[in-house]
């Protein structure tokens, strides 16, 4: 399994589709902050709109094929692109299109100026931190302008087609395609390893955009139990110790050893959730020679002990 796939697997995002929006004329929709572990997203199937957030001074202009994800569930407002006076706005109506709840303001599908798919990813606390914690909030990816245009266009066309035709199994298909959409968006954000413009946001995706740094991340992920040092990881990356440490810090936004700890804790959290292995066994699997050392590192990272983490997650707290 490649590293990005492994990171997505660790996060275990469960996609759910909330509704489809068909709007025309002036409109404004407020989205309140989501609870931890919920990442709402919007996909523009057709048309244009504007999204305003507290994190961005300038509004985000979304066009057909644009994907917007809020990894930490930030509040935002979605409005028409010209900011028309809302006293002229038609009231919202909620119905059902046979696949999803449908919110519209009097616009038919043919007359709609915006066709928007809204949903969310619910992800596992702990294992998801390595990936989603490093993403900007919001994450805006212009899919038509990204690599693999044909694949992305086909995916979006399939999602829109399934939503429009409303044939049996359409909801299951669109939900499954949402997982593929997330992977393609993350790939597009990380940037191609041969690109002259790698991902600008520090984090694990920025590391994966650099072929040599990616090799060291893959090594850490494949052998988290190994007693890695900056020198040995630099050898994997074919860099001197100092050069490797400097480049890694620039791309990751944290030191090599801090990143290794975060990675080990993500893997440990996943093992605590998916298996019945003891804390001592899991600690050994991620590089700690004693249960006490693992427990101390885990609590420093998450704020709770491994045992309490496992109990809380099973109870859904």
C-alpha atoms as a PDB file:
ATOM      1  CA  UNK A   1       0.000   0.000   0.000  1.00  0.00           C
ATOM      2  CA  UNK A   2       1.422   3.407  -0.975  1.00  0.00           C
ATOM      3  CA  UNK A   3       1.972   6.015   1.720  1.00  0.00           C
ATOM      4  CA  UNK A   4      -0.969   8.280   0.854  1.00  0.00           C
ATOM      5  CA  UNK A   5      -3.304   5.285   0.787  1.00  0.00           C
ATOM      6  CA  UNK A   6      -1.931   4.198   4.158  1.00  0.00           C
ATOM      7  CA  UNK A   7      -2.494   7.658   5.623  1.00  0.00           C
ATOM      8  CA  UNK A   8      -6.088   7.694   4.366  1.00  0.00           C
ATOM      9  CA  UNK A   9      -6.577   4.197   5.744  1.00  0.00           C
ATOM     10  CA  UNK A  10      -5.279   5.338   9.131  1.00  0.00           C
ATOM     11  CA  UNK A  11      -7.708   8.272   9.140  1.00  0.00           C
ATOM     12  CA  UNK A  12     -10.584   5.922   8.247  1.00  0.00           C
ATOM     13  CA  UNK A  13     -12.814   8.679   6.844  1.00  0.00           C
ATOM     14  CA  UNK A  14     -16.443   7.615   6.555  1.00  0.00           C
ATOM     15  CA  UNK A  15     -18.175   9.597   3.837  1.00  0.00           C
ATOM     16  CA  UNK A  16     -21.785  10.647   4.099  1.00  0.00           C
ATOM     17  CA  UNK A  17     -23.697  12.903   1.739  1.00  0.00           C
ATOM     18  CA  UNK A  18     -25.964  15.474   3.375  1.00  0.00           C
ATOM     19  CA  UNK A  19     -27.767  17.167   0.525  1.00  0.00           C
ATOM     20  CA  UNK A  20     -27.672  18.583  -2.953  1.00  0.00           C
ATOM     21  CA  UNK A  21     -28.234  22.314  -3.476  1.00  0.00           C
ATOM     22  CA  UNK A  22     -29.759  23.936  -6.565  1.00  0.00           C
ATOM     23  CA  UNK A  23     -29.645  27.723  -6.297  1.00  0.00           C
ATOM     24  CA  UNK A  24     -30.296  30.669  -8.555  1.00  0.00           C
ATOM     25  CA  UNK A  25     -30.210  34.383  -7.843  1.00  0.00           C
ATOM     26  CA  UNK A  26     -29.189  35.750  -4.440  1.00  0.00           C
ATOM     27  CA  UNK A  27     -28.657  33.296  -1.590  1.00  0.00           C
ATOM     28  CA  UNK A  28     -26.661  32.908   1.602  1.00  0.00           C
ATOM     29  CA  UNK A  29     -26.222  29.773   3.717  1.00  0.00           C
ATOM     30  CA  UNK A  30     -24.486  29.783   7.095  1.00  0.00           C
ATOM     31  CA  UNK A  31     -22.591  26.680   8.244  1.00  0.00           C
ATOM     32  CA  UNK A  32     -21.852  26.477  11.961  1.00  0.00           C
ATOM     33  CA  UNK A  33     -18.645  24.862  13.283  1.00  0.00           C
ATOM     34  CA  UNK A  34     -18.751  21.069  13.308  1.00  0.00           C
ATOM     35  CA  UNK A  35     -17.916  18.806  16.216  1.00  0.00           C
ATOM     36  CA  UNK A  36     -14.371  17.362  16.368  1.00  0.00           C
ATOM     37  CA  UNK A  37     -13.939  14.464  13.986  1.00  0.00           C
ATOM     38  CA  UNK A  38     -16.311  15.838  11.345  1.00  0.00           C
ATOM     39  CA  UNK A  39     -14.937  17.370   8.148  1.00  0.00           C
ATOM     40  CA  UNK A  40     -17.660  18.860   5.925  1.00  0.00           C
ATOM     41  CA  UNK A  41     -17.051  19.269   2.204  1.00  0.00           C
ATOM     42  CA  UNK A  42     -18.593  20.890  -0.848  1.00  0.00           C
ATOM     43  CA  UNK A  43     -18.210  19.851  -4.474  1.00  0.00           C
ATOM     44  CA  UNK A  44     -19.381  22.194  -7.222  1.00  0.00           C
ATOM     45  CA  UNK A  45     -21.033  20.018  -9.845  1.00  0.00           C
ATOM     46  CA  UNK A  46     -21.891  23.030 -11.982  1.00  0.00           C
ATOM     47  CA  UNK A  47     -21.967  26.825 -11.758  1.00  0.00           C
ATOM     48  CA  UNK A  48     -20.191  29.146  -9.316  1.00  0.00           C
ATOM     49  CA  UNK A  49     -20.436  30.382  -5.746  1.00  0.00           C
ATOM     50  CA  UNK A  50     -18.418  32.140  -3.056  1.00  0.00           C
ATOM     51  CA  UNK A  51     -17.412  30.834   0.378  1.00  0.00           C
ATOM     52  CA  UNK A  52     -16.420  33.165   3.212  1.00  0.00           C
ATOM     53  CA  UNK A  53     -14.462  31.878   6.209  1.00  0.00           C
ATOM     54  CA  UNK A  54     -12.886  33.372   9.306  1.00  0.00           C
ATOM     55  CA  UNK A  55      -9.528  31.928   8.229  1.00  0.00           C
ATOM     56  CA  UNK A  56      -9.408  33.699   4.863  1.00  0.00           C
ATOM     57  CA  UNK A  57      -9.558  37.467   4.504  1.00  0.00           C
ATOM     58  CA  UNK A  58     -10.487  37.107   0.857  1.00  0.00           C
ATOM     59  CA  UNK A  59     -13.551  35.046  -0.096  1.00  0.00           C
ATOM     60  CA  UNK A  60     -12.995  31.802  -1.977  1.00  0.00           C
ATOM     61  CA  UNK A  61     -14.491  31.645  -5.443  1.00  0.00           C
ATOM     62  CA  UNK A  62     -15.617  28.140  -6.324  1.00  0.00           C
ATOM     63  CA  UNK A  63     -16.324  26.997  -9.865  1.00  0.00           C
ATOM     64  CA  UNK A  64     -17.381  23.773 -11.523  1.00  0.00           C
ATOM     65  CA  UNK A  65     -15.145  20.931 -10.326  1.00  0.00           C
ATOM     66  CA  UNK A  66     -13.889  22.773  -7.223  1.00  0.00           C
ATOM     67  CA  UNK A  67     -13.663  20.773  -4.001  1.00  0.00           C
ATOM     68  CA  UNK A  68     -13.628  22.442  -0.582  1.00  0.00           C
ATOM     69  CA  UNK A  69     -12.919  20.459   2.596  1.00  0.00           C
ATOM     70  CA  UNK A  70     -12.935  21.723   6.186  1.00  0.00           C
ATOM     71  CA  UNK A  71     -10.678  19.196   8.009  1.00  0.00           C
ATOM     72  CA  UNK A  72     -11.356  20.808  11.381  1.00  0.00           C
ATOM     73  CA  UNK A  73     -14.976  21.691  10.707  1.00  0.00           C
ATOM     74  CA  UNK A  74     -14.564  25.460  10.468  1.00  0.00           C
ATOM     75  CA  UNK A  75     -17.594  27.743  10.261  1.00  0.00           C
ATOM     76  CA  UNK A  76     -18.267  29.280   6.855  1.00  0.00           C
ATOM     77  CA  UNK A  77     -20.848  31.062   4.754  1.00  0.00           C
ATOM     78  CA  UNK A  78     -21.796  30.091   1.231  1.00  0.00           C
ATOM     79  CA  UNK A  79     -23.307  32.762  -0.998  1.00  0.00           C
ATOM     80  CA  UNK A  80     -23.927  33.776  -4.593  1.00  0.00           C
ATOM     81  CA  UNK A  81     -20.926  35.145  -6.461  1.00  0.00           C
ATOM     82  CA  UNK A  82     -22.214  38.727  -6.855  1.00  0.00           C
ATOM     83  CA  UNK A  83     -23.409  39.210  -3.258  1.00  0.00           C
ATOM     84  CA  UNK A  84     -26.821  40.351  -4.404  1.00  0.00           C
ATOM     85  CA  UNK A  85     -29.107  41.972  -1.785  1.00  0.00           C
ATOM     86  CA  UNK A  86     -30.703  39.237   0.275  1.00  0.00           C
ATOM     87  CA  UNK A  87     -34.044  41.035   0.488  1.00  0.00           C
ATOM     88  CA  UNK A  88     -34.492  39.847  -3.093  1.00  0.00           C
ATOM     89  CA  UNK A  89     -33.655  36.251  -2.189  1.00  0.00           C
ATOM     90  CA  UNK A  90     -36.247  33.514  -2.594  1.00  0.00           C
ATOM     91  CA  UNK A  91     -36.865  31.305   0.461  1.00  0.00           C
ATOM     92  CA  UNK A  92     -35.212  27.909   0.692  1.00  0.00           C
ATOM     93  CA  UNK A  93     -37.286  24.798   0.170  1.00  0.00           C
ATOM     94  CA  UNK A  94     -36.243  21.319   1.234  1.00  0.00           C
ATOM     95  CA  UNK A  95     -37.462  18.343  -0.745  1.00  0.00           C
ATOM     96  CA  UNK A  96     -35.921  15.108  -2.020  1.00  0.00           C
ATOM     97  CA  UNK A  97     -34.603  14.287  -5.474  1.00  0.00           C
ATOM     98  CA  UNK A  98     -34.873  10.523  -5.030  1.00  0.00           C
ATOM     99  CA  UNK A  99     -31.237  10.182  -3.969  1.00  0.00           C
ATOM    100  CA  UNK A 100     -30.526  13.022  -1.544  1.00  0.00           C
ATOM    101  CA  UNK A 101     -32.347  15.782   0.297  1.00  0.00           C
ATOM    102  CA  UNK A 102     -32.589  18.712  -2.103  1.00  0.00           C
ATOM    103  CA  UNK A 103     -32.324  22.336  -0.984  1.00  0.00           C
ATOM    104  CA  UNK A 104     -33.345  24.902  -3.561  1.00  0.00           C
ATOM    105  CA  UNK A 105     -34.665  28.443  -3.759  1.00  0.00           C
ATOM    106  CA  UNK A 106     -37.165  27.981  -6.544  1.00  0.00           C
ATOM    107  CA  UNK A 107     -34.592  27.077  -9.167  1.00  0.00           C
ATOM    108  CA  UNK A 108     -35.236  24.106 -11.390  1.00  0.00           C
ATOM    109  CA  UNK A 109     -32.308  21.922 -12.385  1.00  0.00           C
ATOM    110  CA  UNK A 110     -32.195  23.532 -15.825  1.00  0.00           C
ATOM    111  CA  UNK A 111     -32.368  27.079 -14.424  1.00  0.00           C
ATOM    112  CA  UNK A 112     -30.010  26.578 -11.467  1.00  0.00           C
ATOM    113  CA  UNK A 113     -26.906  28.770 -11.419  1.00  0.00           C
ATOM    114  CA  UNK A 114     -25.280  26.519  -8.816  1.00  0.00           C
ATOM    115  CA  UNK A 115     -25.429  22.737  -8.483  1.00  0.00           C
ATOM    116  CA  UNK A 116     -23.628  21.837  -5.262  1.00  0.00           C
ATOM    117  CA  UNK A 117     -23.063  18.527  -3.511  1.00  0.00           C
ATOM    118  CA  UNK A 118     -22.588  18.817   0.268  1.00  0.00           C
ATOM    119  CA  UNK A 119     -21.363  16.090   2.572  1.00  0.00           C
ATOM    120  CA  UNK A 120     -18.981  15.196   5.352  1.00  0.00           C
ATOM    121  CA  UNK A 121     -16.223  12.832   6.323  1.00  0.00           C
ATOM    122  CA  UNK A 122     -16.345  11.444   9.846  1.00  0.00           C
ATOM    123  CA  UNK A 123     -12.877  10.319  10.863  1.00  0.00           C
ATOM    124  CA  UNK A 124     -11.187   8.512  13.730  1.00  0.00           C
ATOM    125  CA  UNK A 125      -9.575  10.651  16.427  1.00  0.00           C
ATOM    126  CA  UNK A 126      -5.884   9.934  16.827  1.00  0.00           C
ATOM    127  CA  UNK A 127      -5.049   8.029  13.643  1.00  0.00           C
ATOM    128  CA  UNK A 128      -6.323  10.890  11.492  1.00  0.00           C
ATOM    129  CA  UNK A 129      -4.181  13.565  13.127  1.00  0.00           C
ATOM    130  CA  UNK A 130      -1.119  12.916  10.990  1.00  0.00           C
ATOM    131  CA  UNK A 131      -2.999  13.538   7.742  1.00  0.00           C
ATOM    132  CA  UNK A 132      -5.925  15.839   8.478  1.00  0.00           C
ATOM    133  CA  UNK A 133      -4.082  17.827  11.126  1.00  0.00           C
ATOM    134  CA  UNK A 134      -1.562  18.969   8.518  1.00  0.00           C
ATOM    135  CA  UNK A 135      -4.143  20.206   6.004  1.00  0.00           C
ATOM    136  CA  UNK A 136      -5.171  23.839   5.654  1.00  0.00           C
ATOM    137  CA  UNK A 137      -8.673  24.592   6.905  1.00  0.00           C
ATOM    138  CA  UNK A 138     -10.254  24.944   4.446  1.00  0.00           C
ATOM    139  CA  UNK A 139      -8.547  22.819   1.817  1.00  0.00           C
ATOM    140  CA  UNK A 140      -9.466  24.201  -1.613  1.00  0.00           C
ATOM    141  CA  UNK A 141      -8.579  22.111  -4.642  1.00  0.00           C
ATOM    142  CA  UNK A 142      -9.495  23.169  -8.165  1.00  0.00           C
ATOM    143  CA  UNK A 143      -9.865  19.709  -9.583  1.00  0.00           C
ATOM    144  CA  UNK A 144     -10.163  20.594 -13.271  1.00  0.00           C
ATOM    145  CA  UNK A 145      -6.788  22.303 -13.067  1.00  0.00           C
ATOM    146  CA  UNK A 146      -5.106  19.474 -11.194  1.00  0.00           C
ATOM    147  CA  UNK A 147      -3.179  16.538 -12.587  1.00  0.00           C
ATOM    148  CA  UNK A 148      -5.115  13.603 -14.029  1.00  0.00           C
ATOM    149  CA  UNK A 149      -7.799  15.910 -15.420  1.00  0.00           C
ATOM    150  CA  UNK A 150      -9.548  13.158 -17.339  1.00  0.00           C
ATOM    151  CA  UNK A 151      -9.905  11.010 -14.226  1.00  0.00           C
ATOM    152  CA  UNK A 152     -11.222  13.905 -12.156  1.00  0.00           C
ATOM    153  CA  UNK A 153     -13.635  15.066 -14.831  1.00  0.00           C
ATOM    154  CA  UNK A 154     -14.922  11.520 -15.215  1.00  0.00           C
ATOM    155  CA  UNK A 155     -15.395  11.155 -11.456  1.00  0.00           C
ATOM    156  CA  UNK A 156     -17.313  14.424 -11.149  1.00  0.00           C
ATOM    157  CA  UNK A 157     -19.416  13.572 -14.212  1.00  0.00           C
ATOM    158  CA  UNK A 158     -20.263  10.193 -12.655  1.00  0.00           C
ATOM    159  CA  UNK A 159     -21.296  11.801  -9.368  1.00  0.00           C
ATOM    160  CA  UNK A 160     -23.481  14.326 -11.140  1.00  0.00           C
ATOM    161  CA  UNK A 161     -24.942  11.702 -13.453  1.00  0.00           C
ATOM    162  CA  UNK A 162     -25.846   9.393 -10.579  1.00  0.00           C
ATOM    163  CA  UNK A 163     -27.455  12.282  -8.685  1.00  0.00           C
ATOM    164  CA  UNK A 164     -29.472  13.309 -11.745  1.00  0.00           C
ATOM    165  CA  UNK A 165     -30.622   9.875 -12.941  1.00  0.00           C
ATOM    166  CA  UNK A 166     -31.566   8.630  -9.447  1.00  0.00           C
ATOM    167  CA  UNK A 167     -31.299   4.984 -10.414  1.00  0.00           C
ATOM    168  CA  UNK A 168     -31.198   2.159  -7.816  1.00  0.00           C
ATOM    169  CA  UNK A 169     -27.940   2.180  -5.874  1.00  0.00           C
ATOM    170  CA  UNK A 170     -27.178   5.788  -6.784  1.00  0.00           C
ATOM    171  CA  UNK A 171     -26.563   6.902  -3.199  1.00  0.00           C
ATOM    172  CA  UNK A 172     -24.142   4.025  -2.526  1.00  0.00           C
ATOM    173  CA  UNK A 173     -22.259   4.838  -5.739  1.00  0.00           C
ATOM    174  CA  UNK A 174     -21.994   8.574  -5.028  1.00  0.00           C
ATOM    175  CA  UNK A 175     -20.854   7.874  -1.452  1.00  0.00           C
ATOM    176  CA  UNK A 176     -18.144   5.494  -2.687  1.00  0.00           C
ATOM    177  CA  UNK A 177     -17.056   8.041  -5.281  1.00  0.00           C
ATOM    178  CA  UNK A 178     -16.693  10.578  -2.461  1.00  0.00           C
ATOM    179  CA  UNK A 179     -13.853   8.472  -1.029  1.00  0.00           C
ATOM    180  CA  UNK A 180     -12.145   8.471  -4.414  1.00  0.00           C
ATOM    181  CA  UNK A 181     -12.687  12.227  -4.623  1.00  0.00           C
ATOM    182  CA  UNK A 182     -10.922  12.735  -1.281  1.00  0.00           C
ATOM    183  CA  UNK A 183      -7.921  10.691  -2.403  1.00  0.00           C
ATOM    184  CA  UNK A 184      -7.674  12.561  -5.702  1.00  0.00           C
ATOM    185  CA  UNK A 185      -7.991  15.923  -3.939  1.00  0.00           C
ATOM    186  CA  UNK A 186      -5.227  15.010  -1.473  1.00  0.00           C
ATOM    187  CA  UNK A 187      -3.037  13.811  -4.318  1.00  0.00           C
ATOM    188  CA  UNK A 188      -3.628  17.053  -6.201  1.00  0.00           C
ATOM    189  CA  UNK A 189      -2.860  19.093  -3.086  1.00  0.00           C
ATOM    190  CA  UNK A 190       0.338  17.247  -2.333  1.00  0.00           C
ATOM    191  CA  UNK A 191       1.656  17.994  -5.793  1.00  0.00           C
ATOM    192  CA  UNK A 192       3.501  15.752  -8.174  1.00  0.00           C
ATOM    193  CA  UNK A 193       6.969  14.682  -6.997  1.00  0.00           C
ATOM    194  CA  UNK A 194       8.434  16.055 -10.208  1.00  0.00           C
ATOM    195  CA  UNK A 195       6.617  19.377  -9.959  1.00  0.00           C
ATOM    196  CA  UNK A 196       8.521  22.613  -9.577  1.00  0.00           C
ATOM    197  CA  UNK A 197       5.774  23.835  -7.235  1.00  0.00           C
ATOM    198  CA  UNK A 198       5.377  21.293  -4.431  1.00  0.00           C
ATOM    199  CA  UNK A 199       2.741  21.687  -1.765  1.00  0.00           C
ATOM    200  CA  UNK A 200       3.242  24.952   0.096  1.00  0.00           C
ATOM    201  CA  UNK A 201       1.511  23.989   3.344  1.00  0.00           C
ATOM    202  CA  UNK A 202       3.933  22.238   5.751  1.00  0.00           C
ATOM    203  CA  UNK A 203       2.865  18.735   6.689  1.00  0.00           C
ATOM    204  CA  UNK A 204       2.940  15.133   5.625  1.00  0.00           C
ATOM    205  CA  UNK A 205       1.609  15.862   2.120  1.00  0.00           C
ATOM    206  CA  UNK A 206       4.417  18.347   1.564  1.00  0.00           C
ATOM    207  CA  UNK A 207       6.868  15.607   2.553  1.00  0.00           C
ATOM    208  CA  UNK A 208       5.308  13.213   0.059  1.00  0.00           C
ATOM    209  CA  UNK A 209       5.747  15.771  -2.718  1.00  0.00           C
ATOM    210  CA  UNK A 210       9.545  15.439  -2.374  1.00  0.00           C
ATOM    211  CA  UNK A 211      10.807  12.089  -3.688  1.00  0.00           C
ATOM    212  CA  UNK A 212      13.764  11.837  -1.286  1.00  0.00           C
ATOM    213  CA  UNK A 213      11.852  12.936   1.793  1.00  0.00           C
ATOM    214  CA  UNK A 214       8.992  10.658   0.785  1.00  0.00           C
ATOM    215  CA  UNK A 215      11.378   7.696   0.870  1.00  0.00           C
ATOM    216  CA  UNK A 216      12.231   8.433   4.495  1.00  0.00           C
ATOM    217  CA  UNK A 217       8.548   8.819   5.450  1.00  0.00           C
ATOM    218  CA  UNK A 218       7.811   5.469   3.803  1.00  0.00           C
ATOM    219  CA  UNK A 219      10.672   3.906   5.763  1.00  0.00           C
ATOM    220  CA  UNK A 220       9.337   5.267   9.061  1.00  0.00           C
ATOM    221  CA  UNK A 221       5.836   4.063   8.255  1.00  0.00           C
ATOM    222  CA  UNK A 222       6.961   0.609   7.159  1.00  0.00           C
ATOM    223  CA  UNK A 223       9.221   0.107  10.174  1.00  0.00           C
ATOM    224  CA  UNK A 224       7.950   2.293  13.040  1.00  0.00           C
ATOM    225  CA  UNK A 225       9.560  -0.096  15.530  1.00  0.00           C
ATOM    226  CA  UNK A 226      13.064   0.599  14.237  1.00  0.00           C
ATOM    227  CA  UNK A 227      15.378   2.807  16.303  1.00  0.00           C
ATOM    228  CA  UNK A 228      15.540   5.529  13.673  1.00  0.00           C
ATOM    229  CA  UNK A 229      18.021   8.386  13.913  1.00  0.00           C
ATOM    230  CA  UNK A 230      18.319  11.506  11.803  1.00  0.00           C
ATOM    231  CA  UNK A 231      21.492  10.057  10.321  1.00  0.00           C
ATOM    232  CA  UNK A 232      19.901   6.740   9.321  1.00  0.00           C
ATOM    233  CA  UNK A 233      16.868   8.503   7.831  1.00  0.00           C
ATOM    234  CA  UNK A 234      19.195  10.864   6.000  1.00  0.00           C
ATOM    235  CA  UNK A 235      20.859   7.820   4.465  1.00  0.00           C
ATOM    236  CA  UNK A 236      17.456   6.620   3.227  1.00  0.00           C
ATOM    237  CA  UNK A 237      16.874  10.048   1.691  1.00  0.00           C
ATOM    238  CA  UNK A 238      20.399  10.146   0.222  1.00  0.00           C
ATOM    239  CA  UNK A 239      21.192  13.362   2.117  1.00  0.00           C
ATOM    240  CA  UNK A 240      23.663  14.372   4.757  1.00  0.00           C
ATOM    241  CA  UNK A 241      22.336  14.493   8.301  1.00  0.00           C
ATOM    242  CA  UNK A 242      22.253  18.304   8.418  1.00  0.00           C
ATOM    243  CA  UNK A 243      20.747  18.739   4.947  1.00  0.00           C
ATOM    244  CA  UNK A 244      18.096  16.133   5.621  1.00  0.00           C
ATOM    245  CA  UNK A 245      17.112  17.646   8.971  1.00  0.00           C
ATOM    246  CA  UNK A 246      16.858  21.138   7.452  1.00  0.00           C
ATOM    247  CA  UNK A 247      14.794  20.103   4.418  1.00  0.00           C
ATOM    248  CA  UNK A 248      12.558  17.863   6.493  1.00  0.00           C
ATOM    249  CA  UNK A 249      11.811  20.627   8.967  1.00  0.00           C
ATOM    250  CA  UNK A 250      10.991  23.058   6.144  1.00  0.00           C
ATOM    251  CA  UNK A 251       8.527  20.649   4.520  1.00  0.00           C
ATOM    252  CA  UNK A 252       7.037  19.118   7.652  1.00  0.00           C
ATOM    253  CA  UNK A 253       6.873  22.167   9.897  1.00  0.00           C
ATOM    254  CA  UNK A 254       8.228  19.995  12.737  1.00  0.00           C
ATOM    255  CA  UNK A 255      11.509  18.253  13.491  1.00  0.00           C
ATOM    256  CA  UNK A 256      12.259  14.767  12.208  1.00  0.00           C
ATOM    257  CA  UNK A 257      11.957  13.212  15.665  1.00  0.00           C
ATOM    258  CA  UNK A 258       8.708  15.029  16.438  1.00  0.00           C
ATOM    259  CA  UNK A 259       7.253  13.788  13.166  1.00  0.00           C
ATOM    260  CA  UNK A 260       8.389  10.242  13.936  1.00  0.00           C
ATOM    261  CA  UNK A 261       6.613  10.458  17.294  1.00  0.00           C
ATOM    262  CA  UNK A 262       3.408  11.745  15.641  1.00  0.00           C
ATOM    263  CA  UNK A 263       3.560   8.912  13.126  1.00  0.00           C
ATOM    264  CA  UNK A 264       4.115   6.304  15.817  1.00  0.00           C
ATOM    265  CA  UNK A 265       1.207   7.650  17.852  1.00  0.00           C
ATOM    266  CA  UNK A 266      -1.083   7.586  14.796  1.00  0.00           C
ATOM    267  CA  UNK A 267      -0.192   3.953  14.121  1.00  0.00           C
ATOM    268  CA  UNK A 268      -0.542   3.086  17.806  1.00  0.00           C
ATOM    269  CA  UNK A 269      -3.960   4.757  17.970  1.00  0.00           C
ATOM    270  CA  UNK A 270      -5.067   2.762  14.955  1.00  0.00           C
ATOM    271  CA  UNK A 271      -3.875  -0.493  16.519  1.00  0.00           C
ATOM    272  CA  UNK A 272      -5.678   0.348  19.757  1.00  0.00           C
ATOM    273  CA  UNK A 273      -8.899   0.825  17.793  1.00  0.00           C
ATOM    274  CA  UNK A 274      -8.637  -2.048  15.336  1.00  0.00           C
ATOM    275  CA  UNK A 275      -7.050  -4.798  17.423  1.00  0.00           C
ATOM    276  CA  UNK A 276      -7.181  -6.358  20.862  1.00  0.00           C
ATOM    277  CA  UNK A 277      -3.398  -6.303  21.231  1.00  0.00           C
ATOM    278  CA  UNK A 278      -2.060  -5.210  24.611  1.00  0.00           C
ATOM    279  CA  UNK A 279      -0.595  -1.760  25.152  1.00  0.00           C
ATOM    280  CA  UNK A 280       2.810  -3.337  25.753  1.00  0.00           C
ATOM    281  CA  UNK A 281       2.627  -5.225  22.445  1.00  0.00           C
ATOM    282  CA  UNK A 282       1.507  -2.133  20.557  1.00  0.00           C
ATOM    283  CA  UNK A 283       4.249  -0.081  22.181  1.00  0.00           C
ATOM    284  CA  UNK A 284       6.853  -2.571  20.985  1.00  0.00           C
ATOM    285  CA  UNK A 285       5.340  -2.456  17.487  1.00  0.00           C
ATOM    286  CA  UNK A 286       5.917   1.298  17.271  1.00  0.00           C
ATOM    287  CA  UNK A 287       9.385   1.473  18.774  1.00  0.00           C
ATOM    288  CA  UNK A 288       8.999   1.581  22.574  1.00  0.00           C
ATOM    289  CA  UNK A 289      10.820  -1.021  24.624  1.00  0.00           C
ATOM    290  CA  UNK A 290       8.524  -0.887  27.629  1.00  0.00           C
ATOM    291  CA  UNK A 291       4.826  -0.346  28.286  1.00  0.00           C
ATOM    292  CA  UNK A 292       5.705   2.497  30.656  1.00  0.00           C
ATOM    293  CA  UNK A 293       7.705   4.362  28.005  1.00  0.00           C
ATOM    294  CA  UNK A 294       4.934   3.912  25.455  1.00  0.00           C
ATOM    295  CA  UNK A 295       2.238   4.982  27.906  1.00  0.00           C
ATOM    296  CA  UNK A 296       4.155   8.138  28.805  1.00  0.00           C
ATOM    297  CA  UNK A 297       4.720   9.070  25.150  1.00  0.00           C
ATOM    298  CA  UNK A 298       1.109   8.344  24.247  1.00  0.00           C
ATOM    299  CA  UNK A 299      -0.248  10.451  27.098  1.00  0.00           C
ATOM    300  CA  UNK A 300       2.070  13.339  26.232  1.00  0.00           C
ATOM    301  CA  UNK A 301       0.807  13.191  22.650  1.00  0.00           C
ATOM    302  CA  UNK A 302      -2.922  12.638  23.211  1.00  0.00           C
ATOM    303  CA  UNK A 303      -3.524  13.760  26.777  1.00  0.00           C
ATOM    304  CA  UNK A 304      -4.825  10.352  27.895  1.00  0.00           C
ATOM    305  CA  UNK A 305      -3.456   6.859  28.507  1.00  0.00           C
ATOM    306  CA  UNK A 306      -3.665   4.143  25.837  1.00  0.00           C
ATOM    307  CA  UNK A 307      -6.210   2.191  27.886  1.00  0.00           C
ATOM    308  CA  UNK A 308      -8.471   5.170  28.393  1.00  0.00           C
ATOM    309  CA  UNK A 309      -8.177   6.107  24.714  1.00  0.00           C
ATOM    310  CA  UNK A 310      -9.312   2.619  23.694  1.00  0.00           C
ATOM    311  CA  UNK A 311     -12.255   2.687  26.115  1.00  0.00           C
ATOM    312  CA  UNK A 312     -13.368   6.169  25.079  1.00  0.00           C
ATOM    313  CA  UNK A 313     -13.281   5.392  21.385  1.00  0.00           C
ATOM    314  CA  UNK A 314     -15.235   2.168  21.850  1.00  0.00           C
ATOM    315  CA  UNK A 315     -17.874   4.075  23.813  1.00  0.00           C
ATOM    316  CA  UNK A 316     -17.927   6.790  21.163  1.00  0.00           C
ATOM    317  CA  UNK A 317     -16.961   9.542  23.567  1.00  0.00           C
END
